[in-house]
Amino acid sequence: MTKELIIVFVKNIKLGKVKTRLAKTIGNQGAFEVYTELVKVTETATKDITTDKRIYFSDAIVDNQWKNNYKTVQQGEDLGKRMKNAFKKGFDDGYKRIVLIGSDLPDINSKHIQNGLNALNDNEVVFGPAEDGGYYLIGLNKLYPFIFENKPWSQTHLLKDTLHELQQKNIPYSLLQTLNDIDTFEDLKASNFYHSNETLKKRIQQLND
């Protein structure tokens, strides 16, 4: 067991259940295929990091993803409670520095994750800001339950509100490089992820001809 832990939150890849905003433009099948590729990016980003990993699926464990890693199912009625419960379990099990990432970042790599862990050597909290006002990574070296409570999930002021609360409580935090996740077709079209994946690009075009 290492002192550090990486938690990955993954939505089970189900038709009509992933990337619903994106699906309004490119259809459920297109959104399904985009998210499938995004999960592969996340798996690649975590694969070569030797730090302990725990994979939290939204509904059910998938055996053929993140093989040989600890896998379980998220617990809690909203995102905040699910994240808080995952962090609590990690700290209860003896980990000292924990980062949690989502699985819809087209540009995430192992360096972003490692930078998050490293930031916890000097700060209590670290965030990887997303361009939409949320965050793609959160890291803690102790549990601060308020971070996950009464927050505007999926709103553009989520990170701003959270940082304001940390400042009020004089809790030191660090920010990583800002990345963009893919929620809309505009996000997809603007990403290198899309333009460099010819197979996916052709598939989306075929589905929408």
Protein backbone atom coordinates (compact mmCIF):
# COMPACT_ATOMS: atom_id res chain seq x y z
CA MET A 1 0.00 0.00 0.00
CA THR A 2 1.27 3.45 -0.92
CA LYS A 3 0.50 6.63 1.03
CA GLU A 4 -1.09 8.07 -2.09
CA LEU A 5 -4.31 7.04 -3.82
CA ILE A 6 -5.89 7.85 -7.16
CA ILE A 7 -9.67 7.54 -7.35
CA VAL A 8 -11.30 7.43 -10.78
CA PHE A 9 -15.03 8.07 -11.17
CA VAL A 10 -16.41 6.35 -14.26
CA LYS A 11 -19.94 6.36 -15.62
CA ASN A 12 -21.04 2.99 -16.90
CA ILE A 13 -21.11 3.27 -20.67
CA LYS A 14 -24.79 2.83 -21.48
CA LEU A 15 -26.60 4.03 -24.57
CA GLY A 16 -28.67 7.10 -23.74
CA LYS A 17 -27.07 7.51 -20.30
CA VAL A 18 -23.74 9.19 -21.07
CA LYS A 19 -22.94 12.65 -22.43
CA THR A 20 -26.61 13.55 -22.69
CA ARG A 21 -25.94 17.18 -23.66
CA LEU A 22 -23.67 16.03 -26.45
CA ALA A 23 -26.28 13.47 -27.51
CA LYS A 24 -28.76 16.26 -28.27
CA THR A 25 -26.55 17.18 -31.24
CA ILE A 26 -24.92 13.94 -32.38
CA GLY A 27 -27.41 11.37 -31.04
CA ASN A 28 -27.18 8.74 -28.33
CA GLN A 29 -25.00 6.38 -30.37
CA GLY A 30 -22.52 9.16 -31.17
CA ALA A 31 -22.34 10.25 -27.51
CA PHE A 32 -21.88 6.61 -26.49
CA GLU A 33 -18.90 6.23 -28.84
CA VAL A 34 -17.32 9.53 -27.76
CA TYR A 35 -17.55 8.60 -24.09
CA THR A 36 -16.14 5.13 -24.81
CA GLU A 37 -13.05 6.80 -26.29
CA LEU A 38 -12.78 9.28 -23.39
CA VAL A 39 -12.74 6.44 -20.88
CA LYS A 40 -9.88 4.85 -22.84
CA VAL A 41 -7.96 8.15 -22.56
CA THR A 42 -8.48 8.14 -18.79
CA GLU A 43 -7.43 4.51 -18.49
CA THR A 44 -4.25 5.25 -20.45
CA ALA A 45 -3.49 8.29 -18.25
CA THR A 46 -3.61 6.17 -15.09
CA LYS A 47 -2.11 2.95 -16.43
CA ASP A 48 1.59 3.64 -15.89
CA ILE A 49 1.28 5.38 -12.51
CA THR A 50 2.37 2.98 -9.78
CA THR A 51 0.27 4.74 -7.12
CA ASP A 52 -2.66 2.70 -5.75
CA LYS A 53 -5.87 3.19 -7.74
CA ARG A 54 -9.53 2.67 -6.96
CA ILE A 55 -12.06 2.72 -9.77
CA TYR A 56 -15.58 3.77 -8.81
CA PHE A 57 -18.24 2.88 -11.40
CA SER A 58 -21.60 4.65 -11.41
CA ASP A 59 -23.78 1.52 -11.52
CA ALA A 60 -21.89 -1.74 -11.88
CA ILE A 61 -18.31 -3.00 -12.01
CA VAL A 62 -16.93 -3.64 -15.51
CA ASP A 63 -14.39 -6.46 -15.55
CA ASN A 64 -12.61 -5.58 -18.80
CA GLN A 65 -11.70 -2.03 -17.74
CA TRP A 66 -8.84 -1.20 -15.35
CA LYS A 67 -7.89 -4.85 -15.01
CA ASN A 68 -6.10 -5.79 -11.79
CA ASN A 69 -7.24 -2.62 -10.01
CA TYR A 70 -9.57 -2.25 -7.04
CA LYS A 71 -13.06 -1.64 -8.43
CA THR A 72 -16.32 -0.78 -6.70
CA VAL A 73 -19.55 1.17 -7.17
CA GLN A 74 -20.18 4.79 -6.13
CA GLN A 75 -22.38 5.28 -3.06
CA GLY A 76 -24.58 8.34 -2.45
CA GLU A 77 -27.56 10.15 -3.93
CA ASP A 78 -25.63 13.01 -5.51
CA LEU A 79 -22.13 13.64 -6.85
CA GLY A 80 -20.99 15.42 -3.67
CA LYS A 81 -21.97 12.54 -1.40
CA ARG A 82 -20.43 9.99 -3.77
CA MET A 83 -17.11 11.83 -3.84
CA LYS A 84 -17.13 12.43 -0.08
CA ASN A 85 -17.78 8.75 0.60
CA ALA A 86 -14.94 7.70 -1.72
CA PHE A 87 -12.48 10.08 -0.03
CA LYS A 88 -13.63 9.01 3.44
CA LYS A 89 -13.04 5.35 2.61
CA GLY A 90 -9.56 6.17 1.33
CA PHE A 91 -8.58 8.16 4.42
CA ASP A 92 -10.14 5.55 6.74
CA ASP A 93 -7.95 2.94 5.03
CA GLY A 94 -4.81 4.92 5.82
CA TYR A 95 -4.04 6.91 2.67
CA LYS A 96 -2.50 10.36 3.28
CA ARG A 97 -2.85 12.06 -0.12
CA ILE A 98 -5.78 11.32 -2.41
CA VAL A 99 -6.75 12.71 -5.79
CA LEU A 100 -10.02 12.00 -7.57
CA ILE A 101 -10.55 12.45 -11.31
CA GLY A 102 -13.47 12.05 -13.67
CA SER A 103 -13.36 10.19 -16.96
CA ASP A 104 -14.41 12.67 -19.66
CA LEU A 105 -11.21 14.68 -20.13
CA PRO A 106 -9.81 14.35 -23.65
CA ASP A 107 -6.41 15.87 -22.77
CA ILE A 108 -5.71 14.39 -19.35
CA ASN A 109 -2.44 12.52 -18.93
CA SER A 110 -0.38 11.00 -16.16
CA LYS A 111 1.51 14.27 -15.58
CA HIS A 112 -1.70 16.12 -14.62
CA ILE A 113 -2.52 13.43 -12.08
CA GLN A 114 1.01 13.30 -10.70
CA ASN A 115 1.07 17.09 -10.41
CA GLY A 116 -2.11 16.85 -8.34
CA LEU A 117 -0.53 14.38 -5.95
CA ASN A 118 2.67 16.45 -5.72
CA ALA A 119 0.69 19.62 -4.92
CA LEU A 120 -0.63 17.92 -1.78
CA ASN A 121 2.86 17.95 -0.29
CA ASP A 122 2.51 21.72 0.21
CA ASN A 123 -1.26 22.33 0.19
CA GLU A 124 -4.30 20.90 1.90
CA VAL A 125 -6.39 20.88 -1.27
CA VAL A 126 -5.73 20.91 -5.01
CA PHE A 127 -8.08 21.40 -7.96
CA GLY A 128 -7.69 20.86 -11.67
CA PRO A 129 -10.02 23.57 -13.05
CA ALA A 130 -12.27 22.80 -16.01
CA GLU A 131 -13.05 25.51 -18.53
CA ASP A 132 -16.77 25.21 -17.78
CA GLY A 133 -16.27 26.44 -14.19
CA GLY A 134 -16.11 23.06 -12.50
CA TYR A 135 -13.09 20.86 -11.90
CA TYR A 136 -11.72 17.67 -13.42
CA LEU A 137 -9.49 16.80 -10.45
CA ILE A 138 -9.74 17.31 -6.72
CA GLY A 139 -7.08 16.28 -4.24
CA LEU A 140 -7.08 16.32 -0.44
CA ASN A 141 -4.66 15.39 2.33
CA LYS A 142 -7.50 15.25 4.86
CA LEU A 143 -11.26 15.11 4.52
CA TYR A 144 -13.07 18.45 4.39
CA PRO A 145 -16.75 17.43 4.19
CA PHE A 146 -17.98 20.98 3.44
CA ILE A 147 -16.28 20.85 0.01
CA PHE A 148 -18.88 18.29 -1.04
CA GLU A 149 -21.94 19.74 0.67
CA ASN A 150 -24.49 22.27 -0.67
CA LYS A 151 -22.59 22.87 -3.88
CA PRO A 152 -23.94 23.91 -7.32
CA TRP A 153 -22.98 20.73 -9.16
CA SER A 154 -22.74 21.14 -12.95
CA GLN A 155 -22.99 24.92 -12.64
CA THR A 156 -20.44 27.42 -13.97
CA HIS A 157 -19.66 28.81 -10.49
CA LEU A 158 -18.92 25.49 -8.75
CA LEU A 159 -15.16 25.98 -8.43
CA LYS A 160 -15.45 29.69 -7.67
CA ASP A 161 -17.87 29.01 -4.80
CA THR A 162 -15.70 26.20 -3.45
CA LEU A 163 -12.52 28.29 -3.51
CA HIS A 164 -14.33 31.18 -1.78
CA GLU A 165 -15.29 28.84 1.05
CA LEU A 166 -11.72 27.56 1.38
CA GLN A 167 -10.44 31.15 1.52
CA GLN A 168 -12.93 32.00 4.26
CA LYS A 169 -11.66 29.05 6.29
CA ASN A 170 -7.98 29.88 5.59
CA ILE A 171 -7.34 26.47 4.03
CA PRO A 172 -4.41 26.57 1.56
CA TYR A 173 -5.09 25.21 -1.91
CA SER A 174 -3.37 24.89 -5.26
CA LEU A 175 -4.66 25.01 -8.85
CA LEU A 176 -3.41 22.90 -11.73
CA GLN A 177 -3.56 23.54 -15.47
CA THR A 178 -7.07 24.28 -16.75
CA LEU A 179 -8.48 21.63 -19.10
CA ASN A 180 -11.68 21.40 -21.10
CA ASP A 181 -14.07 18.50 -20.80
CA ILE A 182 -16.50 17.53 -23.55
CA ASP A 183 -20.12 18.32 -22.84
CA THR A 184 -21.28 19.78 -26.17
CA PHE A 185 -20.61 19.29 -29.87
CA GLU A 186 -18.71 22.61 -29.84
CA ASP A 187 -16.40 21.18 -27.16
CA LEU A 188 -15.90 18.07 -29.26
CA LYS A 189 -15.15 19.95 -32.49
CA ALA A 190 -12.63 22.19 -30.70
CA SER A 191 -10.65 19.29 -29.24
CA ASN A 192 -7.46 17.71 -30.57
CA PHE A 193 -8.90 14.47 -29.24
CA TYR A 194 -11.58 14.59 -31.96
CA HIS A 195 -9.42 15.78 -34.82
CA SER A 196 -6.66 13.27 -34.11
CA ASN A 197 -9.05 10.30 -33.91
CA GLU A 198 -9.98 9.70 -37.54
CA THR A 199 -11.98 6.56 -36.77
CA LEU A 200 -14.18 8.38 -34.26
CA LYS A 201 -14.52 11.40 -36.53
CA LYS A 202 -15.71 9.29 -39.48
CA ARG A 203 -18.09 7.36 -37.23
CA ILE A 204 -19.72 10.54 -35.92
CA GLN A 205 -20.04 11.87 -39.46
CA GLN A 206 -21.61 8.61 -40.63
CA LEU A 207 -24.11 8.63 -37.79
CA ASN A 208 -25.15 12.19 -38.58
CA ASP A 209 -25.27 12.11 -42.39
